[in-house]
N, C-alpha and C. Protein backbone atom coordinates (compact mmCIF):
# COMPACT_ATOMS: atom_id res chain seq x y z
N UNK A 1 -20.66 -0.08 -15.20
CA UNK A 1 -21.58 0.98 -15.28
C UNK A 1 -22.05 0.52 -13.78
N UNK A 2 -22.45 1.23 -12.54
CA UNK A 2 -23.37 1.14 -11.88
C UNK A 2 -24.86 1.41 -11.75
N UNK A 3 -25.55 0.29 -12.24
CA UNK A 3 -26.87 0.85 -11.91
C UNK A 3 -27.20 2.04 -11.26
N UNK A 4 -28.27 2.73 -12.07
CA UNK A 4 -29.00 3.58 -11.52
C UNK A 4 -29.29 3.79 -9.63
N UNK A 5 -30.50 2.13 -9.59
CA UNK A 5 -30.69 2.39 -8.32
C UNK A 5 -30.11 1.89 -6.93
N UNK A 6 -28.87 1.83 -7.35
CA UNK A 6 -27.93 1.74 -6.96
C UNK A 6 -27.33 3.11 -6.25
N UNK A 7 -27.04 3.93 -6.82
CA UNK A 7 -25.75 5.42 -6.72
C UNK A 7 -27.41 6.10 -5.65
N UNK A 8 -26.43 6.40 -4.78
CA UNK A 8 -26.20 7.66 -3.69
C UNK A 8 -26.30 8.80 -4.59
N UNK A 9 -28.11 9.24 -4.21
CA UNK A 9 -27.56 11.36 -5.18
C UNK A 9 -27.71 12.01 -4.47
N UNK A 10 -27.60 11.91 -2.62
CA UNK A 10 -28.55 12.99 -1.91
C UNK A 10 -28.11 13.45 -1.47
N UNK A 11 -27.14 14.93 -0.98
CA UNK A 11 -26.00 15.36 0.20
C UNK A 11 -26.29 14.50 0.83
N UNK A 12 -27.73 14.89 1.74
CA UNK A 12 -27.69 14.15 2.99
C UNK A 12 -27.44 13.05 3.52
N UNK A 13 -27.66 11.86 2.44
CA UNK A 13 -27.48 10.67 2.11
C UNK A 13 -25.76 10.23 2.25
N UNK A 14 -25.42 10.92 2.03
CA UNK A 14 -23.08 10.82 1.17
C UNK A 14 -22.77 11.54 3.00
N UNK A 15 -23.98 12.73 4.00
CA UNK A 15 -23.42 13.23 4.70
C UNK A 15 -23.87 12.46 5.55
N UNK A 16 -24.31 11.24 5.86
CA UNK A 16 -24.94 10.77 7.20
C UNK A 16 -23.67 9.87 7.38
N UNK A 17 -23.50 9.57 5.83
CA UNK A 17 -22.76 8.10 5.55
C UNK A 17 -20.92 8.11 6.39
N UNK A 18 -20.89 9.48 6.01
CA UNK A 18 -19.20 9.95 6.03
C UNK A 18 -18.95 10.69 7.67
N UNK A 19 -20.58 10.96 8.00
CA UNK A 19 -20.19 11.62 9.75
C UNK A 19 -20.86 9.97 10.31
N UNK A 20 -21.81 9.78 10.31
CA UNK A 20 -21.99 8.24 11.22
C UNK A 20 -21.94 7.29 11.21
N UNK A 21 -21.07 6.45 9.52
CA UNK A 21 -21.12 5.50 9.47
C UNK A 21 -19.61 5.08 10.00
N UNK A 22 -19.46 3.44 9.35
CA UNK A 22 -17.51 3.15 10.41
C UNK A 22 -16.58 3.53 8.64
N UNK A 23 -15.35 3.82 8.90
CA UNK A 23 -14.89 4.40 8.42
C UNK A 23 -13.03 3.06 7.59
N UNK A 24 -12.84 3.26 7.20
CA UNK A 24 -11.59 1.63 6.76
C UNK A 24 -10.45 2.70 5.69
N UNK A 25 -9.28 3.05 6.14
CA UNK A 25 -8.87 3.13 5.49
C UNK A 25 -7.95 2.92 4.53
N UNK A 26 -7.69 2.42 3.00
CA UNK A 26 -6.91 1.90 2.30
C UNK A 26 -5.62 2.77 1.29
N UNK A 27 -4.81 2.17 1.07
CA UNK A 27 -3.38 2.70 0.19
C UNK A 27 -4.29 3.68 -1.05
N UNK A 28 -5.49 3.63 -1.86
CA UNK A 28 -5.62 4.31 -2.47
C UNK A 28 -7.22 5.44 -2.54
N UNK A 29 -8.00 4.74 -1.30
CA UNK A 29 -9.42 5.38 -0.99
C UNK A 29 -9.87 5.11 -0.03
N UNK A 30 -11.28 5.83 0.49
CA UNK A 30 -11.92 5.58 1.95
C UNK A 30 -12.79 5.07 2.12
N UNK A 31 -12.86 3.91 2.72
CA UNK A 31 -14.78 3.36 3.01
C UNK A 31 -14.88 3.38 3.98
N UNK A 32 -16.02 4.53 3.59
CA UNK A 32 -17.48 4.58 4.45
C UNK A 32 -18.47 3.68 3.97
N UNK A 33 -18.61 3.10 5.48
CA UNK A 33 -20.11 2.10 5.66
C UNK A 33 -21.08 2.97 6.46
N UNK A 34 -22.55 2.22 6.39
CA UNK A 34 -23.79 2.79 7.18
C UNK A 34 -23.95 2.09 6.97
N UNK A 35 -25.37 1.79 7.79
CA UNK A 35 -26.46 0.87 7.75
C UNK A 35 -27.17 1.66 8.21
N UNK A 36 -28.63 2.03 7.28
CA UNK A 36 -29.80 2.56 7.10
C UNK A 36 -30.95 1.91 7.14
N UNK A 37 -31.56 1.49 7.91
CA UNK A 37 -32.82 0.51 8.52
C UNK A 37 -33.73 1.18 8.26
N UNK A 38 -33.64 2.91 8.11
CA UNK A 38 -35.22 3.20 7.51
C UNK A 38 -35.06 3.56 5.96
N UNK A 39 -34.59 2.33 5.33
CA UNK A 39 -34.77 2.91 3.99
C UNK A 39 -34.20 1.80 3.50
N UNK A 40 -35.01 0.42 3.09
CA UNK A 40 -34.52 -0.75 3.10
C UNK A 40 -34.49 -0.77 1.00
N UNK A 41 -34.37 -0.04 0.13
CA UNK A 41 -34.42 -0.37 -0.97
C UNK A 41 -33.36 -1.08 -1.63
N UNK A 42 -32.42 -2.01 -1.18
CA UNK A 42 -30.95 -2.22 -1.60
C UNK A 42 -30.06 -1.35 -1.41
N UNK A 43 -28.68 -1.88 -1.63
CA UNK A 43 -27.24 -0.82 -1.28
C UNK A 43 -27.58 -0.35 -1.96
N UNK A 44 -27.06 1.50 -1.41
CA UNK A 44 -26.52 2.37 -2.28
C UNK A 44 -25.27 2.71 -2.08
N UNK A 45 -24.69 3.21 -3.56
CA UNK A 45 -23.15 3.54 -3.12
C UNK A 45 -23.10 5.08 -3.92
N UNK A 46 -21.70 6.19 -3.41
CA UNK A 46 -21.49 7.05 -3.76
C UNK A 46 -20.26 6.88 -3.38
N UNK A 47 -19.62 8.05 -4.83
CA UNK A 47 -18.35 8.11 -5.01
C UNK A 47 -17.71 10.32 -4.31
N UNK A 48 -17.10 10.07 -3.83
CA UNK A 48 -16.19 11.35 -4.14
C UNK A 48 -14.92 10.93 -4.35
N UNK A 49 -14.60 11.86 -5.26
CA UNK A 49 -13.16 12.33 -6.70
C UNK A 49 -13.09 14.01 -5.97
N UNK A 50 -12.65 14.43 -5.45
CA UNK A 50 -12.04 15.24 -5.28
C UNK A 50 -10.71 16.42 -6.14
N UNK A 51 -10.48 17.19 -6.16
CA UNK A 51 -9.54 18.02 -6.73
C UNK A 51 -8.00 17.74 -6.55
N UNK A 52 -7.69 17.05 -6.04
CA UNK A 52 -6.57 16.55 -5.58
C UNK A 52 -5.85 15.14 -5.99
N UNK A 53 -6.97 14.69 -6.21
CA UNK A 53 -7.16 13.44 -7.63
C UNK A 53 -6.20 14.36 -8.54
N UNK A 54 -6.72 15.17 -8.87
CA UNK A 54 -5.96 15.47 -10.73
C UNK A 54 -6.98 15.92 -11.54
N UNK A 55 -6.67 16.16 -12.73
CA UNK A 55 -6.90 16.95 -13.67
C UNK A 55 -9.02 16.18 -13.90
N UNK A 56 -9.70 17.65 -14.59
CA UNK A 56 -10.92 16.61 -14.62
C UNK A 56 -10.85 15.44 -15.64
N UNK A 57 -10.12 15.42 -15.78
CA UNK A 57 -9.59 14.48 -17.02
C UNK A 57 -9.90 13.06 -16.10
N UNK A 58 -8.44 13.31 -15.30
CA UNK A 58 -7.86 12.23 -13.86
C UNK A 58 -8.59 12.00 -13.21
N UNK A 59 -9.72 12.78 -12.96
CA UNK A 59 -11.00 12.62 -11.68
C UNK A 59 -12.18 11.35 -12.66
N UNK A 60 -12.63 12.01 -13.85
CA UNK A 60 -13.51 11.10 -14.69
C UNK A 60 -13.45 9.91 -14.86
N UNK A 61 -11.76 9.78 -14.94
CA UNK A 61 -11.15 8.16 -14.99
C UNK A 61 -11.57 7.43 -13.81
N UNK A 62 -10.77 7.82 -12.59
CA UNK A 62 -10.98 7.37 -11.74
C UNK A 62 -12.63 7.04 -11.19
N UNK A 63 -13.16 7.52 -11.38
CA UNK A 63 -14.98 7.88 -10.63
C UNK A 63 -15.37 6.80 -11.95
N UNK A 64 -14.95 6.66 -12.78
CA UNK A 64 -15.60 5.85 -13.43
C UNK A 64 -15.34 4.26 -13.41
N UNK A 65 -13.72 3.76 -12.73
CA UNK A 65 -13.56 2.74 -12.21
C UNK A 65 -13.56 2.42 -11.59
N UNK A 66 -13.75 3.69 -10.32
CA UNK A 66 -14.72 3.07 -8.80
C UNK A 66 -16.27 3.41 -9.14
N UNK A 67 -16.86 3.37 -10.07
CA UNK A 67 -18.13 2.73 -10.52
C UNK A 67 -18.16 1.49 -10.99
N UNK A 68 -16.95 1.11 -11.99
CA UNK A 68 -17.46 -1.00 -12.04
C UNK A 68 -16.87 -1.25 -10.84
N UNK A 69 -16.01 -1.02 -10.34
CA UNK A 69 -15.38 -2.33 -9.30
C UNK A 69 -16.46 -2.04 -8.49
N UNK A 70 -17.55 -0.36 -7.79
CA UNK A 70 -18.61 -0.92 -6.61
C UNK A 70 -19.48 -1.77 -7.45
N UNK A 71 -19.94 -2.18 -8.60
CA UNK A 71 -20.87 -2.98 -9.07
C UNK A 71 -20.36 -4.50 -9.00
N UNK A 72 -19.40 -4.45 -9.02
CA UNK A 72 -18.83 -5.85 -8.31
C UNK A 72 -18.98 -6.38 -6.96
N UNK A 73 -18.40 -5.58 -6.39
CA UNK A 73 -19.26 -5.74 -4.82
C UNK A 73 -20.83 -5.67 -3.91
N UNK A 74 -21.42 -5.29 -5.02
CA UNK A 74 -22.59 -4.02 -4.66
C UNK A 74 -23.49 -6.75 -3.89
N UNK A 75 -23.36 -7.34 -4.59
CA UNK A 75 -23.52 -8.37 -3.74
C UNK A 75 -23.31 -8.68 -2.43
N UNK A 76 -22.51 -8.09 -2.05
CA UNK A 76 -21.52 -8.40 -1.15
C UNK A 76 -22.64 -7.74 0.26
N UNK A 77 -23.12 -6.36 -0.32
CA UNK A 77 -23.42 -5.83 0.63
C UNK A 77 -24.88 -5.99 0.79
N UNK A 78 -25.42 -5.60 2.11
CA UNK A 78 -26.92 -5.67 3.12
C UNK A 78 -27.87 -4.83 2.30
N UNK A 79 -28.77 -5.23 1.86
CA UNK A 79 -29.57 -3.91 1.02
C UNK A 79 -29.84 -2.80 2.25
N UNK A 80 -29.21 -3.12 3.95
CA UNK A 80 -29.58 -1.64 4.34
C UNK A 80 -28.44 -0.41 4.73
N UNK A 81 -27.15 -1.50 3.27
CA UNK A 81 -26.12 -0.52 3.57
C UNK A 81 -25.65 0.42 2.58
N UNK A 82 -24.97 1.98 3.47
CA UNK A 82 -24.64 2.70 2.20
C UNK A 82 -23.35 2.93 2.58
N UNK A 83 -22.73 3.21 1.52
CA UNK A 83 -20.95 3.04 1.52
C UNK A 83 -20.92 4.72 0.36
N UNK A 84 -19.25 5.06 1.00
CA UNK A 84 -18.88 6.13 0.16
C UNK A 84 -17.61 6.11 0.15
N UNK A 85 -17.13 5.94 -0.91
CA UNK A 85 -15.68 5.78 -1.92
C UNK A 85 -15.43 6.93 -2.01
N UNK A 86 -14.01 7.31 -1.01
CA UNK A 86 -13.40 8.57 -1.37
C UNK A 86 -12.10 8.38 -2.17
N UNK A 87 -12.15 8.91 -2.98
CA UNK A 87 -10.24 8.57 -3.68
C UNK A 87 -8.98 9.18 -3.17
N UNK A 88 -8.00 8.94 -3.20
CA UNK A 88 -7.52 9.64 -2.47
C UNK A 88 -6.40 10.39 -4.04
N UNK A 89 -5.90 11.04 -3.50
CA UNK A 89 -4.31 11.30 -5.01
C UNK A 89 -3.70 9.39 -5.28
N UNK A 90 -3.73 8.76 -4.93
CA UNK A 90 -3.01 7.90 -5.42
C UNK A 90 -3.87 6.88 -6.29
N UNK A 91 -5.15 7.15 -6.27
CA UNK A 91 -5.73 6.42 -7.54
C UNK A 91 -5.89 6.98 -7.99
N UNK A 92 -5.50 7.90 -8.91
CA UNK A 92 -5.67 8.38 -10.38
C UNK A 92 -4.19 7.13 -10.82
N UNK A 93 -3.36 6.60 -10.00
CA UNK A 93 -2.11 5.61 -10.81
C UNK A 93 -2.51 3.75 -10.63
N UNK A 94 -3.74 3.82 -9.43
CA UNK A 94 -4.07 2.34 -9.82
C UNK A 94 -4.84 2.65 -10.53
N UNK A 95 -5.19 0.61 -10.96
CA UNK A 95 -5.25 -0.43 -12.04
C UNK A 95 -6.21 -0.79 -11.59
N UNK A 96 -7.81 -0.67 -11.55
CA UNK A 96 -8.61 -1.21 -11.24
C UNK A 96 -8.99 -2.17 -10.67
N UNK A 97 -7.84 -3.74 -11.03
CA UNK A 97 -8.23 -4.85 -9.97
C UNK A 97 -7.44 -4.86 -8.55
N UNK A 98 -6.64 -3.20 -8.23
CA UNK A 98 -6.19 -3.24 -7.32
C UNK A 98 -7.17 -2.39 -6.23
N UNK A 99 -8.08 -1.33 -7.09
CA UNK A 99 -8.78 -0.31 -6.39
C UNK A 99 -9.99 -1.87 -6.19
N UNK A 100 -10.38 -2.61 -6.67
CA UNK A 100 -11.20 -3.75 -6.33
C UNK A 100 -10.72 -4.14 -4.86
N UNK A 101 -9.61 -5.16 -4.71
CA UNK A 101 -8.93 -5.43 -4.28
C UNK A 101 -8.77 -4.50 -2.53
N UNK A 102 -8.41 -3.18 -2.61
CA UNK A 102 -9.27 -2.36 -1.67
C UNK A 102 -10.44 -1.40 -1.07
N UNK A 103 -11.59 -2.22 -2.01
CA UNK A 103 -12.08 -1.86 -1.91
C UNK A 103 -13.05 -3.00 -1.30
N UNK A 104 -13.08 -4.09 -1.59
CA UNK A 104 -13.17 -5.39 -0.85
C UNK A 104 -12.87 -5.27 0.53
N UNK A 105 -11.36 -4.91 1.14
CA UNK A 105 -10.98 -4.77 2.53
C UNK A 105 -11.35 -4.15 2.87
N UNK A 106 -11.96 -3.38 2.57
CA UNK A 106 -12.17 -1.75 3.22
C UNK A 106 -14.29 -1.86 3.91
N UNK A 107 -14.57 -3.00 2.68
CA UNK A 107 -15.57 -3.41 2.55
C UNK A 107 -15.75 -4.10 4.39
N UNK A 108 -14.68 -4.89 4.01
CA UNK A 108 -14.61 -6.32 4.63
C UNK A 108 -13.99 -5.85 5.87
N UNK A 109 -12.95 -5.37 6.25
CA UNK A 109 -12.85 -3.95 8.04
C UNK A 109 -13.84 -3.31 8.08
N UNK A 110 -14.87 -2.74 7.37
CA UNK A 110 -15.66 -1.56 7.98
C UNK A 110 -17.02 -2.66 8.80
N UNK A 111 -17.07 -4.10 8.12
CA UNK A 111 -17.98 -4.89 8.20
C UNK A 111 -17.75 -5.62 10.17
N UNK A 112 -16.40 -5.90 10.35
CA UNK A 112 -15.54 -6.60 11.29
C UNK A 112 -15.74 -5.04 12.68
N UNK A 113 -15.75 -3.82 11.45
CA UNK A 113 -15.96 -2.84 12.72
C UNK A 113 -17.11 -2.35 13.20
N UNK A 114 -17.90 -2.75 11.87
CA UNK A 114 -19.79 -2.72 13.32
C UNK A 114 -20.49 -3.82 14.35
N UNK A 115 -19.36 -4.97 13.19
CA UNK A 115 -19.79 -6.22 14.14
C UNK A 115 -19.97 -6.06 15.76
N UNK A 116 -18.09 -5.41 16.41
CA UNK A 116 -17.59 -4.91 17.16
C UNK A 116 -18.66 -4.47 18.08
N UNK A 117 -19.02 -3.55 17.30
CA UNK A 117 -20.03 -2.48 17.78
C UNK A 117 -20.74 -2.41 19.25
N UNK A 118 -21.40 -3.57 18.70
CA UNK A 118 -22.49 -4.26 19.41
C UNK A 118 -22.29 -4.86 20.60
């Protein structure tokens, strides 16, 4: 489970991360990453699991897996970073280890893209 202090809860925070952040597309997820220097209270992670993923039961299952996977990568994130993980329809069939691999790859690619922007 992802501790409450690391959860993204405000709609504005989700919107800013998706709109102004760097996007890394993976086969089953899309990772949006942004730095927010105004709020360095630790990294925050948000999930978007839409109806295209499947039924309510399938969406909740995917969300639980993604929360668990997100917890394992918190140490790799800077305290000013905000991450939104958007589940794609294929995520309902993906195992947790595969989702974790994709998340790590997406974060790594986002970090590389942010460094090349500067």
